[in-house]
Amino acid sequence: MASALEQFVNNVQTLSAQ
């Protein structure tokens, strides 16, 4: 399973891109 921190960082980057 991917680390929760990695998932969180990816989510933040996706939101910031908008």
PDB file of N, CA and C in Angstrom:
ATOM      1  N   MET A   1       0.844  -1.201   0.000  1.00  0.00           N
ATOM      2  CA  MET A   1       0.000   0.000   0.000  1.00  0.00           C
ATOM      3  C   MET A   1       0.873   1.242   0.000  1.00  0.00           C
ATOM      4  N   ALA A   2       0.468   2.215  -0.776  1.00  0.00           N
ATOM      5  CA  ALA A   2       1.217   3.485  -0.805  1.00  0.00           C
ATOM      6  C   ALA A   2       1.106   4.169   0.550  1.00  0.00           C
ATOM      7  N   SER A   3       2.163   4.872   0.928  1.00  0.00           N
ATOM      8  CA  SER A   3       2.152   5.524   2.242  1.00  0.00           C
ATOM      9  C   SER A   3       1.078   6.602   2.300  1.00  0.00           C
ATOM     10  N   ALA A   4       0.478   6.759   3.470  1.00  0.00           N
ATOM     11  CA  ALA A   4      -0.573   7.774   3.630  1.00  0.00           C
ATOM     12  C   ALA A   4       0.006   9.158   3.376  1.00  0.00           C
ATOM     13  N   LEU A   5       1.271   9.363   3.777  1.00  0.00           N
ATOM     14  CA  LEU A   5       1.892  10.678   3.562  1.00  0.00           C
ATOM     15  C   LEU A   5       2.049  10.974   2.079  1.00  0.00           C
ATOM     16  N   GLU A   6       2.441   9.947   1.316  1.00  0.00           N
ATOM     17  CA  GLU A   6       2.588  10.139  -0.125  1.00  0.00           C
ATOM     18  C   GLU A   6       1.251  10.488  -0.760  1.00  0.00           C
ATOM     19  N   GLN A   7       0.191   9.803  -0.341  1.00  0.00           N
ATOM     20  CA  GLN A   7      -1.147  10.087  -0.865  1.00  0.00           C
ATOM     21  C   GLN A   7      -1.569  11.509  -0.515  1.00  0.00           C
ATOM     22  N   PHE A   8      -1.280  11.901   0.742  1.00  0.00           N
ATOM     23  CA  PHE A   8      -1.650  13.247   1.191  1.00  0.00           C
ATOM     24  C   PHE A   8      -0.932  14.313   0.374  1.00  0.00           C
ATOM     25  N   VAL A   9       0.376  14.127   0.185  1.00  0.00           N
ATOM     26  CA  VAL A   9       1.155  15.099  -0.591  1.00  0.00           C
ATOM     27  C   VAL A   9       0.625  15.188  -2.016  1.00  0.00           C
ATOM     28  N   ASN A  10       0.294  14.045  -2.593  1.00  0.00           N
ATOM     29  CA  ASN A  10      -0.243  14.048  -3.954  1.00  0.00           C
ATOM     30  C   ASN A  10      -1.571  14.799  -4.016  1.00  0.00           C
ATOM     31  N   ASN A  11      -2.404  14.618  -3.004  1.00  0.00           N
ATOM     32  CA  ASN A  11      -3.694  15.314  -2.970  1.00  0.00           C
ATOM     33  C   ASN A  11      -3.492  16.818  -2.868  1.00  0.00           C
ATOM     34  N   VAL A  12      -2.570  17.248  -2.025  1.00  0.00           N
ATOM     35  CA  VAL A  12      -2.301  18.680  -1.856  1.00  0.00           C
ATOM     36  C   VAL A  12      -1.787  19.281  -3.158  1.00  0.00           C
ATOM     37  N   GLN A  13      -0.882  18.576  -3.831  1.00  0.00           N
ATOM     38  CA  GLN A  13      -0.349  19.078  -5.091  1.00  0.00           C
ATOM     39  C   GLN A  13      -1.458  19.202  -6.134  1.00  0.00           C
ATOM     40  N   THR A  14      -2.365  18.235  -6.159  1.00  0.00           N
ATOM     41  CA  THR A  14      -3.478  18.278  -7.119  1.00  0.00           C
ATOM     42  C   THR A  14      -4.392  19.465  -6.832  1.00  0.00           C
ATOM     43  N   LEU A  15      -4.686  19.691  -5.553  1.00  0.00           N
ATOM     44  CA  LEU A  15      -5.551  20.818  -5.193  1.00  0.00           C
ATOM     45  C   LEU A  15      -4.865  22.146  -5.489  1.00  0.00           C
ATOM     46  N   SER A  16      -3.572  22.217  -5.220  1.00  0.00           N
ATOM     47  CA  SER A  16      -2.833  23.460  -5.432  1.00  0.00           C
ATOM     48  C   SER A  16      -2.741  23.801  -6.916  1.00  0.00           C
ATOM     49  N   ALA A  17      -2.810  22.795  -7.767  1.00  0.00           N
ATOM     50  CA  ALA A  17      -2.676  23.018  -9.209  1.00  0.00           C
ATOM     51  C   ALA A  17      -3.901  23.714  -9.782  1.00  0.00           C
ATOM     52  N   GLN A  18      -5.005  23.686  -9.074  1.00  0.00           N
ATOM     53  CA  GLN A  18      -6.234  24.276  -9.589  1.00  0.00           C
ATOM     54  C   GLN A  18      -6.235  25.793  -9.400  1.00  0.00           C
TER      55      GLN A  18
END
